[in-house]
C-alpha atoms as a PDB file:
ATOM      1  CA  MET A   1      92.930  91.176 128.500  1.00  0.00           C
ATOM      2  CA  VAL A   2      93.020  93.954 125.835  1.00  0.00           C
ATOM      3  CA  ARG A   3      96.467  92.830 124.715  1.00  0.00           C
ATOM      4  CA  LEU A   4      95.623  89.389 124.752  1.00  0.00           C
ATOM      5  CA  THR A   5      92.642  89.718 122.571  1.00  0.00           C
ATOM      6  CA  THR A   6      94.103  91.950 120.261  1.00  0.00           C
ATOM      7  CA  THR A   7      97.143  89.947 119.831  1.00  0.00           C
ATOM      8  CA  ALA A   8      94.956  86.938 119.025  1.00  0.00           C
ATOM      9  CA  ARG A   9      92.907  88.656 116.430  1.00  0.00           C
ATOM     10  CA  VAL A  10      96.307  89.619 114.763  1.00  0.00           C
ATOM     11  CA  LEU A  11      97.554  86.323 114.559  1.00  0.00           C
ATOM     12  CA  LEU A  12      94.130  84.907 113.495  1.00  0.00           C
ATOM     13  CA  HIS A  13      94.157  87.584 110.808  1.00  0.00           C
ATOM     14  CA  HIS A  14      97.446  86.638 109.516  1.00  0.00           C
ATOM     15  CA  GLY A  15      97.589  82.955 110.516  1.00  0.00           C
ATOM     16  CA  ARG A  16      98.447  81.825 107.028  1.00  0.00           C
ATOM     17  CA  ASN A  17     101.292  84.099 106.507  1.00  0.00           C
ATOM     18  CA  VAL A  18     102.810  83.189 110.104  1.00  0.00           C
ATOM     19  CA  ALA A  19     102.594  79.291 109.171  1.00  0.00           C
ATOM     20  CA  GLN A  20     104.203  80.025 106.037  1.00  0.00           C
ATOM     21  CA  ALA A  21     106.947  82.294 107.598  1.00  0.00           C
ATOM     22  CA  ALA A  22     107.616  79.309 110.160  1.00  0.00           C
ATOM     23  CA  ALA A  23     107.692  76.686 107.222  1.00  0.00           C
ATOM     24  CA  GLY A  24     110.126  78.993 105.667  1.00  0.00           C
ATOM     25  CA  LEU A  25     112.606  78.811 108.462  1.00  0.00           C
ATOM     26  CA  LEU A  26     112.642  74.988 108.267  1.00  0.00           C
ATOM     27  CA  MET A  27     112.874  74.830 104.330  1.00  0.00           C
ATOM     28  CA  PRO A  28     113.323  78.068 102.278  1.00  0.00           C
ATOM     29  CA  THR A  29     111.627  78.510  99.396  1.00  0.00           C
ATOM     30  CA  LYS A  30     110.974  81.318  96.952  1.00  0.00           C
ATOM     31  CA  THR A  31     107.557  82.001  98.266  1.00  0.00           C
ATOM     32  CA  ALA A  32     109.117  82.030 102.160  1.00  0.00           C
ATOM     33  CA  LEU A  33     111.697  84.366 100.995  1.00  0.00           C
ATOM     34  CA  GLU A  34     109.161  86.948  99.301  1.00  0.00           C
ATOM     35  CA  LEU A  35     106.905  86.807 102.471  1.00  0.00           C
ATOM     36  CA  ALA A  36     109.809  87.564 104.540  1.00  0.00           C
ATOM     37  CA  VAL A  37     110.500  90.599 102.483  1.00  0.00           C
ATOM     38  CA  ARG A  38     107.109  91.649 102.430  1.00  0.00           C
ATOM     39  CA  CYS A  39     106.935  91.392 106.254  1.00  0.00           C
ATOM     40  CA  ARG A  40     110.004  93.315 106.493  1.00  0.00           C
ATOM     41  CA  MET A  41     108.440  96.320 104.233  1.00  0.00           C
ATOM     42  CA  THR A  42     105.286  96.183 106.211  1.00  0.00           C
ATOM     43  CA  SER A  43     107.127  96.943 109.156  1.00  0.00           C
ATOM     44  CA  MET A  44     109.261  99.700 107.709  1.00  0.00           C
ATOM     45  CA  ASP A  45     106.221 101.118 106.238  1.00  0.00           C
ATOM     46  CA  ILE A  46     104.632 101.526 109.652  1.00  0.00           C
ATOM     47  CA  HIS A  47     107.810 102.742 111.274  1.00  0.00           C
ATOM     48  CA  LEU A  48     109.204 105.309 108.929  1.00  0.00           C
ATOM     49  CA  PRO A  49     109.148 108.854 110.429  1.00  0.00           C
ATOM     50  CA  ILE A  50     107.626 110.254 107.130  1.00  0.00           C
ATOM     51  CA  PRO A  51     103.893 109.610 106.478  1.00  0.00           C
ATOM     52  CA  SER A  52     102.614 108.046 103.481  1.00  0.00           C
ATOM     53  CA  VAL A  53     100.029 108.518 100.798  1.00  0.00           C
ATOM     54  CA  PHE A  54      98.763 105.100  99.230  1.00  0.00           C
ATOM     55  CA  LEU A  55      99.485 105.205  95.427  1.00  0.00           C
ATOM     56  CA  ALA A  56      95.795 104.449  94.606  1.00  0.00           C
ATOM     57  CA  GLY A  57      94.837 107.786  96.560  1.00  0.00           C
ATOM     58  CA  MET A  58      97.222 109.433  94.619  1.00  0.00           C
ATOM     59  CA  PHE A  59      96.419 108.318  91.259  1.00  0.00           C
ATOM     60  CA  PRO A  60      92.720 106.826  91.464  1.00  0.00           C
ATOM     61  CA  GLU A  61      91.261 104.274  89.121  1.00  0.00           C
ATOM     62  CA  GLN A  62      89.737 105.908  86.090  1.00  0.00           C
ATOM     63  CA  PRO A  63      88.717 105.082  82.469  1.00  0.00           C
ATOM     64  CA  PRO A  64      91.513 104.877  80.036  1.00  0.00           C
ATOM     65  CA  ASP A  65      92.861 108.243  78.954  1.00  0.00           C
ATOM     66  CA  SER A  66      95.841 108.804  76.865  1.00  0.00           C
ATOM     67  CA  ALA A  67      96.684 112.104  78.429  1.00  0.00           C
ATOM     68  CA  ILE A  68      97.612 110.397  81.639  1.00  0.00           C
ATOM     69  CA  VAL A  69      99.489 107.359  80.348  1.00  0.00           C
ATOM     70  CA  VAL A  70     103.175 107.467  81.419  1.00  0.00           C
ATOM     71  CA  LYS A  71     106.209 106.535  79.367  1.00  0.00           C
ATOM     72  CA  LEU A  72     108.788 104.082  80.844  1.00  0.00           C
ATOM     73  CA  MET A  73     111.981 102.553  79.319  1.00  0.00           C
ATOM     74  CA  ALA A  74     113.626  99.329  80.104  1.00  0.00           C
ATOM     75  CA  GLY A  75     117.108  99.170  81.088  1.00  0.00           C
ATOM     76  CA  THR A  76     117.142 102.661  82.743  1.00  0.00           C
ATOM     77  CA  ALA A  77     116.655 101.449  86.371  1.00  0.00           C
ATOM     78  CA  LEU A  78     120.331 101.500  86.981  1.00  0.00           C
ATOM     79  CA  ASN A  79     122.464 101.251  90.284  1.00  0.00           C
ATOM     80  CA  GLY A  80     122.426 105.100  91.475  1.00  0.00           C
ATOM     81  CA  ALA A  81     119.412 105.822  89.817  1.00  0.00           C
ATOM     82  CA  PRO A  82     115.681 105.389  90.756  1.00  0.00           C
ATOM     83  CA  ASN A  83     114.293 102.000  90.286  1.00  0.00           C
ATOM     84  CA  ILE A  84     111.394 101.388  87.925  1.00  0.00           C
ATOM     85  CA  PHE A  85     108.846 101.870  90.759  1.00  0.00           C
ATOM     86  CA  GLU A  86     110.258 105.120  91.476  1.00  0.00           C
ATOM     87  CA  GLN A  87     110.667 106.169  87.772  1.00  0.00           C
ATOM     88  CA  PHE A  88     106.836 105.467  87.541  1.00  0.00           C
ATOM     89  CA  ILE A  89     106.038 107.848  90.476  1.00  0.00           C
ATOM     90  CA  LEU A  90     108.294 110.524  89.089  1.00  0.00           C
ATOM     91  CA  CYS A  91     106.613 110.044  85.603  1.00  0.00           C
ATOM     92  CA  ALA A  92     103.097 109.980  87.058  1.00  0.00           C
ATOM     93  CA  LEU A  93     103.658 112.922  89.173  1.00  0.00           C
ATOM     94  CA  VAL A  94     104.857 115.086  86.093  1.00  0.00           C
ATOM     95  CA  LYS A  95     101.889 113.876  84.327  1.00  0.00           C
ATOM     96  CA  LYS A  96      99.483 114.973  86.824  1.00  0.00           C
ATOM     97  CA  ILE A  97     101.330 118.176  87.758  1.00  0.00           C
ATOM     98  CA  GLN A  98     101.955 119.257  84.175  1.00  0.00           C
ATOM     99  CA  PRO A  99     104.848 121.486  84.829  1.00  0.00           C
ATOM    100  CA  GLN A 100     106.305 123.916  82.407  1.00  0.00           C
ATOM    101  CA  THR A 101     109.847 124.050  83.985  1.00  0.00           C
ATOM    102  CA  ILE A 102     111.724 121.069  85.760  1.00  0.00           C
ATOM    103  CA  LEU A 103     114.786 121.168  87.736  1.00  0.00           C
ATOM    104  CA  GLU A 104     116.712 118.163  88.235  1.00  0.00           C
ATOM    105  CA  ILE A 105     120.164 118.277  90.322  1.00  0.00           C
ATOM    106  CA  GLY A 106     122.019 115.271  89.541  1.00  0.00           C
ATOM    107  CA  THR A 107     121.944 113.926  86.008  1.00  0.00           C
ATOM    108  CA  PHE A 108     124.073 110.695  86.137  1.00  0.00           C
ATOM    109  CA  LYS A 109     123.249 108.917  83.308  1.00  0.00           C
ATOM    110  CA  GLY A 110     120.374 110.850  82.076  1.00  0.00           C
ATOM    111  CA  ALA A 111     117.495 107.989  82.923  1.00  0.00           C
ATOM    112  CA  THR A 112     115.623 109.959  85.020  1.00  0.00           C
ATOM    113  CA  THR A 113     116.021 113.124  82.551  1.00  0.00           C
ATOM    114  CA  TRP A 114     114.760 110.991  79.746  1.00  0.00           C
ATOM    115  CA  HIS A 115     111.395 110.031  81.752  1.00  0.00           C
ATOM    116  CA  LEU A 116     110.891 113.572  83.003  1.00  0.00           C
ATOM    117  CA  TYR A 117     111.252 114.573  79.488  1.00  0.00           C
ATOM    118  CA  GLU A 118     109.078 111.974  77.855  1.00  0.00           C
ATOM    119  CA  ASN A 119     106.273 112.557  80.402  1.00  0.00           C
ATOM    120  CA  ALA A 120     106.314 116.487  80.604  1.00  0.00           C
ATOM    121  CA  PRO A 121     104.254 118.924  78.467  1.00  0.00           C
ATOM    122  CA  LEU A 122     105.557 119.170  75.103  1.00  0.00           C
ATOM    123  CA  ASP A 123     106.499 122.968  75.646  1.00  0.00           C
ATOM    124  CA  ALA A 124     108.232 122.142  79.020  1.00  0.00           C
ATOM    125  CA  THR A 125     111.825 122.852  79.547  1.00  0.00           C
ATOM    126  CA  ILE A 126     114.048 120.887  81.687  1.00  0.00           C
ATOM    127  CA  TYR A 127     117.322 122.020  83.424  1.00  0.00           C
ATOM    128  CA  THR A 128     119.415 119.356  84.705  1.00  0.00           C
ATOM    129  CA  LEU A 129     122.644 120.148  86.649  1.00  0.00           C
ATOM    130  CA  ASP A 130     125.694 117.716  87.036  1.00  0.00           C
ATOM    131  CA  LEU A 131     129.307 117.813  87.886  1.00  0.00           C
ATOM    132  CA  PRO A 132     131.760 119.038  85.059  1.00  0.00           C
ATOM    133  CA  ASP A 133     133.286 116.154  82.925  1.00  0.00           C
ATOM    134  CA  ASP A 134     136.672 117.149  84.408  1.00  0.00           C
ATOM    135  CA  GLU A 135     135.501 117.130  88.213  1.00  0.00           C
ATOM    136  CA  VAL A 136     135.016 114.578  90.807  1.00  0.00           C
ATOM    137  CA  PRO A 137     134.976 116.105  94.102  1.00  0.00           C
ATOM    138  CA  GLY A 138     136.028 113.917  96.994  1.00  0.00           C
ATOM    139  CA  ASP A 139     133.652 115.314  99.725  1.00  0.00           C
ATOM    140  CA  VAL A 140     130.647 113.765  98.344  1.00  0.00           C
ATOM    141  CA  THR A 141     128.765 110.368  99.005  1.00  0.00           C
ATOM    142  CA  ASP A 142     129.092 107.920  96.074  1.00  0.00           C
ATOM    143  CA  VAL A 143     132.227 109.267  94.731  1.00  0.00           C
ATOM    144  CA  GLN A 144     132.155 106.309  92.295  1.00  0.00           C
ATOM    145  CA  LEU A 145     128.750 107.550  90.902  1.00  0.00           C
ATOM    146  CA  ALA A 146     129.943 111.009  90.708  1.00  0.00           C
ATOM    147  CA  ALA A 147     132.807 109.877  88.679  1.00  0.00           C
ATOM    148  CA  ASN A 148     130.448 108.701  86.008  1.00  0.00           C
ATOM    149  CA  LYS A 149     130.507 111.164  82.852  1.00  0.00           C
ATOM    150  CA  ARG A 150     128.415 109.020  80.249  1.00  0.00           C
ATOM    151  CA  ARG A 151     124.857 110.291  79.968  1.00  0.00           C
ATOM    152  CA  PRO A 152     123.418 107.702  77.131  1.00  0.00           C
ATOM    153  CA  PHE A 153     120.005 108.574  78.012  1.00  0.00           C
ATOM    154  CA  LEU A 154     120.166 112.338  78.180  1.00  0.00           C
ATOM    155  CA  PRO A 155     117.691 113.566  75.566  1.00  0.00           C
ATOM    156  CA  SER A 156     119.126 115.443  72.727  1.00  0.00           C
ATOM    157  CA  SER A 157     116.554 118.345  72.603  1.00  0.00           C
ATOM    158  CA  ASN A 158     116.653 122.094  72.941  1.00  0.00           C
ATOM    159  CA  ARG A 159     114.068 121.825  75.688  1.00  0.00           C
ATOM    160  CA  VAL A 160     116.830 119.888  77.990  1.00  0.00           C
ATOM    161  CA  ARG A 161     119.364 122.598  79.156  1.00  0.00           C
ATOM    162  CA  GLN A 162     122.370 120.760  81.002  1.00  0.00           C
ATOM    163  CA  ILE A 163     124.147 122.820  83.511  1.00  0.00           C
ATOM    164  CA  LEU A 164     127.659 121.371  84.309  1.00  0.00           C
ATOM    165  CA  ILE A 165     128.747 122.835  87.663  1.00  0.00           C
ATOM    166  CA  ASP A 166     129.051 121.697  91.142  1.00  0.00           C
ATOM    167  CA  SER A 167     125.899 122.437  92.635  1.00  0.00           C
ATOM    168  CA  LYS A 168     127.780 123.853  95.725  1.00  0.00           C
ATOM    169  CA  LYS A 169     129.278 126.437  93.331  1.00  0.00           C
ATOM    170  CA  TRP A 170     126.101 127.028  91.492  1.00  0.00           C
ATOM    171  CA  ASP A 171     124.520 130.562  91.692  1.00  0.00           C
ATOM    172  CA  GLY A 172     120.930 129.197  91.750  1.00  0.00           C
ATOM    173  CA  VAL A 173     119.763 131.321  88.905  1.00  0.00           C
ATOM    174  CA  LEU A 174     117.375 130.364  86.183  1.00  0.00           C
ATOM    175  CA  ASP A 175     115.327 132.423  83.806  1.00  0.00           C
ATOM    176  CA  ARG A 176     111.943 131.195  84.876  1.00  0.00           C
ATOM    177  CA  LYS A 177     110.171 129.768  87.773  1.00  0.00           C
ATOM    178  CA  VAL A 178     110.214 125.853  88.476  1.00  0.00           C
ATOM    179  CA  GLN A 179     106.999 123.682  89.063  1.00  0.00           C
ATOM    180  CA  PHE A 180     108.724 120.471  89.632  1.00  0.00           C
ATOM    181  CA  ALA A 181     112.215 119.778  91.287  1.00  0.00           C
ATOM    182  CA  PHE A 182     113.977 116.526  91.545  1.00  0.00           C
ATOM    183  CA  ILE A 183     117.029 116.268  93.978  1.00  0.00           C
ATOM    184  CA  ASP A 184     119.262 113.355  93.598  1.00  0.00           C
ATOM    185  CA  ALA A 185     122.873 114.325  93.652  1.00  0.00           C
ATOM    186  CA  ASP A 186     125.201 114.569  96.942  1.00  0.00           C
ATOM    187  CA  HIS A 187     123.308 112.905  99.697  1.00  0.00           C
ATOM    188  CA  SER A 188     125.060 114.111 102.494  1.00  0.00           C
ATOM    189  CA  TYR A 189     123.192 116.312 104.939  1.00  0.00           C
ATOM    190  CA  GLU A 190     125.352 119.586 103.819  1.00  0.00           C
ATOM    191  CA  GLY A 191     124.777 118.488 100.122  1.00  0.00           C
ATOM    192  CA  ILE A 192     121.102 117.962 100.313  1.00  0.00           C
ATOM    193  CA  ARG A 193     120.660 121.198 102.436  1.00  0.00           C
ATOM    194  CA  ASN A 194     122.762 123.123  99.805  1.00  0.00           C
ATOM    195  CA  ASP A 195     120.752 121.560  96.740  1.00  0.00           C
ATOM    196  CA  THR A 196     117.314 122.087  98.605  1.00  0.00           C
ATOM    197  CA  GLU A 197     118.042 125.944  99.810  1.00  0.00           C
ATOM    198  CA  LYS A 198     119.276 126.583  96.213  1.00  0.00           C
ATOM    199  CA  THR A 199     116.193 124.999  94.797  1.00  0.00           C
ATOM    200  CA  LEU A 200     113.513 127.102  97.090  1.00  0.00           C
ATOM    201  CA  PRO A 201     113.731 130.519  95.527  1.00  0.00           C
ATOM    202  CA  LEU A 202     113.466 129.078  92.146  1.00  0.00           C
ATOM    203  CA  LEU A 203     109.985 127.596  92.811  1.00  0.00           C
ATOM    204  CA  ASP A 204     106.530 128.696  91.702  1.00  0.00           C
ATOM    205  CA  SER A 205     103.628 129.260  94.244  1.00  0.00           C
ATOM    206  CA  TYR A 206     102.278 125.947  92.488  1.00  0.00           C
ATOM    207  CA  ALA A 207     105.458 123.571  92.840  1.00  0.00           C
ATOM    208  CA  CYS A 208     106.743 120.205  94.037  1.00  0.00           C
ATOM    209  CA  ILE A 209     110.196 118.864  95.200  1.00  0.00           C
ATOM    210  CA  CYS A 210     111.134 115.302  95.106  1.00  0.00           C
ATOM    211  CA  TRP A 211     114.106 113.937  96.808  1.00  0.00           C
ATOM    212  CA  HIS A 212     115.927 110.759  95.947  1.00  0.00           C
ATOM    213  CA  ASP A 213     117.328 108.063  98.457  1.00  0.00           C
ATOM    214  CA  ALA A 214     115.319 109.847 101.336  1.00  0.00           C
ATOM    215  CA  PHE A 215     115.124 106.987 103.715  1.00  0.00           C
ATOM    216  CA  GLU A 216     118.642 105.423 103.476  1.00  0.00           C
ATOM    217  CA  LYS A 217     120.314 105.391 106.626  1.00  0.00           C
ATOM    218  CA  ASP A 218     123.769 103.833 105.539  1.00  0.00           C
ATOM    219  CA  PHE A 219     126.614 105.262 103.128  1.00  0.00           C
ATOM    220  CA  GLY A 220     126.670 108.545 105.099  1.00  0.00           C
ATOM    221  CA  TYR A 221     123.559 109.770 103.822  1.00  0.00           C
ATOM    222  CA  GLY A 222     122.015 112.991 105.404  1.00  0.00           C
ATOM    223  CA  THR A 223     118.573 113.368 103.430  1.00  0.00           C
ATOM    224  CA  MET A 224     116.472 111.862 106.075  1.00  0.00           C
ATOM    225  CA  PRO A 225     117.830 113.846 109.096  1.00  0.00           C
ATOM    226  CA  TYR A 226     117.474 117.060 107.030  1.00  0.00           C
ATOM    227  CA  LEU A 227     113.878 116.380 106.040  1.00  0.00           C
ATOM    228  CA  LEU A 228     113.015 115.599 109.598  1.00  0.00           C
ATOM    229  CA  GLU A 229     114.275 119.022 110.577  1.00  0.00           C
ATOM    230  CA  LEU A 230     112.237 120.324 107.524  1.00  0.00           C
ATOM    231  CA  ARG A 231     108.880 118.638 109.217  1.00  0.00           C
ATOM    232  CA  LYS A 232     109.486 120.012 112.508  1.00  0.00           C
ATOM    233  CA  LYS A 233     109.620 123.404 110.838  1.00  0.00           C
ATOM    234  CA  GLY A 234     106.159 122.590 109.310  1.00  0.00           C
ATOM    235  CA  TRP A 235     106.787 121.160 106.074  1.00  0.00           C
ATOM    236  CA  LYS A 236     104.215 118.645 104.874  1.00  0.00           C
ATOM    237  CA  ILE A 237     106.694 116.083 103.293  1.00  0.00           C
ATOM    238  CA  PHE A 238     105.111 112.526 102.358  1.00  0.00           C
ATOM    239  CA  ARG A 239     106.050 109.691 100.592  1.00  0.00           C
ATOM    240  CA  LEU A 240     104.275 107.321  98.321  1.00  0.00           C
ATOM    241  CA  ARG A 241     103.544 103.527  98.937  1.00  0.00           C
ATOM    242  CA  SER A 242     101.964 100.731  96.915  1.00  0.00           C
ATOM    243  CA  ILE A 243     100.655  97.151  98.699  1.00  0.00           C
ATOM    244  CA  HIS A 244     104.258  95.801  99.282  1.00  0.00           C
ATOM    245  CA  GLU A 245     106.592  98.516  97.602  1.00  0.00           C
ATOM    246  CA  ILE A 246     108.055 101.724  99.303  1.00  0.00           C
ATOM    247  CA  SER A 247     109.804 103.982  97.247  1.00  0.00           C
ATOM    248  CA  SER A 248     112.643 105.911  98.744  1.00  0.00           C
ATOM    249  CA  ILE A 249     111.394 109.189  97.219  1.00  0.00           C
ATOM    250  CA  ALA A 250     110.244 112.135  99.580  1.00  0.00           C
ATOM    251  CA  ILE A 251     107.935 114.659  98.205  1.00  0.00           C
ATOM    252  CA  TRP A 252     106.883 118.426  99.168  1.00  0.00           C
ATOM    253  CA  MET A 253     103.977 120.317  97.313  1.00  0.00           C
ATOM    254  CA  SER A 254     102.930 123.697  97.894  1.00  0.00           C
ATOM    255  CA  GLU A 255      99.451 124.196  99.454  1.00  0.00           C
ATOM    256  CA  PRO A 256      98.151 125.322  96.312  1.00  0.00           C
ATOM    257  CA  MET A 257      99.138 122.276  94.462  1.00  0.00           C
ATOM    258  CA  LEU A 258      98.016 120.182  97.509  1.00  0.00           C
ATOM    259  CA  GLU A 259      94.474 121.637  97.165  1.00  0.00           C
ATOM    260  CA  ARG A 260      94.144 121.843  93.425  1.00  0.00           C
ATOM    261  CA  LEU A 261      95.319 118.011  93.049  1.00  0.00           C
ATOM    262  CA  LYS A 262      93.162 117.073  96.098  1.00  0.00           C
ATOM    263  CA  ILE A 263      96.103 115.308  97.584  1.00  0.00           C
ATOM    264  CA  PRO A 264      94.736 112.757 100.434  1.00  0.00           C
ATOM    265  CA  ALA A 265      96.349 113.350 103.884  1.00  0.00           C
ATOM    266  CA  PRO A 266      99.346 111.165 104.565  1.00  0.00           C
ATOM    267  CA  GLN A 267      99.283 108.249 107.131  1.00  0.00           C
ATOM    268  CA  SER A 268     101.473 106.884 109.587  1.00  0.00           C
ATOM    269  CA  GLY A 269     101.688 104.921 112.739  1.00  0.00           C
ATOM    270  CA  ALA A 270      98.074 103.594 113.765  1.00  0.00           C
ATOM    271  CA  LEU A 271      96.536 104.276 110.548  1.00  0.00           C
ATOM    272  CA  LEU A 272      99.187 102.188 108.810  1.00  0.00           C
ATOM    273  CA  SER A 273      98.807  99.157 111.221  1.00  0.00           C
ATOM    274  CA  ARG A 274      94.846  99.247 110.825  1.00  0.00           C
ATOM    275  CA  TYR A 275      95.276  99.114 106.951  1.00  0.00           C
ATOM    276  CA  TYR A 276      97.691  96.206 107.334  1.00  0.00           C
ATOM    277  CA  SER A 277      96.152  94.108 110.062  1.00  0.00           C
ATOM    278  CA  GLY A 278      92.526  95.360 110.262  1.00  0.00           C
ATOM    279  CA  VAL A 279      93.359  95.811 113.986  1.00  0.00           C
ATOM    280  CA  ASP A 280      94.385  98.907 115.861  1.00  0.00           C
ATOM    281  CA  TRP A 281      97.176  96.997 117.688  1.00  0.00           C
ATOM    282  CA  TYR A 282      99.407 100.257 117.665  1.00  0.00           C
ATOM    283  CA  ASN A 283      97.104 101.916 119.912  1.00  0.00           C
ATOM    284  CA  SER A 284      95.916  99.031 121.958  1.00  0.00           C
ATOM    285  CA  ARG A 285      99.662  98.691 123.149  1.00  0.00           C
ATOM    286  CA  LEU A 286      99.752 101.872 124.614  1.00  0.00           C
END
């Protein structure tokens, strides 16, 4: 009886969406297609194994303040680079964290480097690591992206220091501690593990790591399996979500950073199902 009542409440709560979806099967429209995508995103959000923080919880509403305005550049959401929603997340995090040193592994065309540079403190230093111009290893994911040697968006500044070396051969030495790291290079399990393990000794006590393409299961990506291993070891890895958008960026913050920035507790499973439906059907099925 509990199951029937709960199911009925969910259907009533989303009756209009169900009707639109049924109509869309008979006569597809742009609205129906958008609804189908939103339903799929909702399902993904509930069942992803890494919990999330709602975007408004991380960046709450407040009066206009030029100090927190982020800069975004159109035309940089390229294939192989973070999309514009993910660029916003990275920029907003940098504005919030105010890092003095940023490490990026995987420059690609320099679009993310530009966003980090434009939103970081004026005296921040950015190290961005990429393959040498004459090297394209065959043992990486996305070989066609690794073959790119054009970096049209890379800022021309002495505060942006490029390191051209395969990260597997890099000694992992910098002349200062890192407060913000972004890993977006070889997405194989071995590549992600290598880049993460070389980043860890460089981190300040107040630090954040972001991984791109963290939830992709295709293309031989090993980011999610590696991050799930870290979560089993106690790492508090989470992601950010909006109402109908899910980014592929996973985030880890040190305890001092979590406390100073007052990051809300991530949500998953039952909490997300209640958020979307207003009904605790997740637990009522058990």
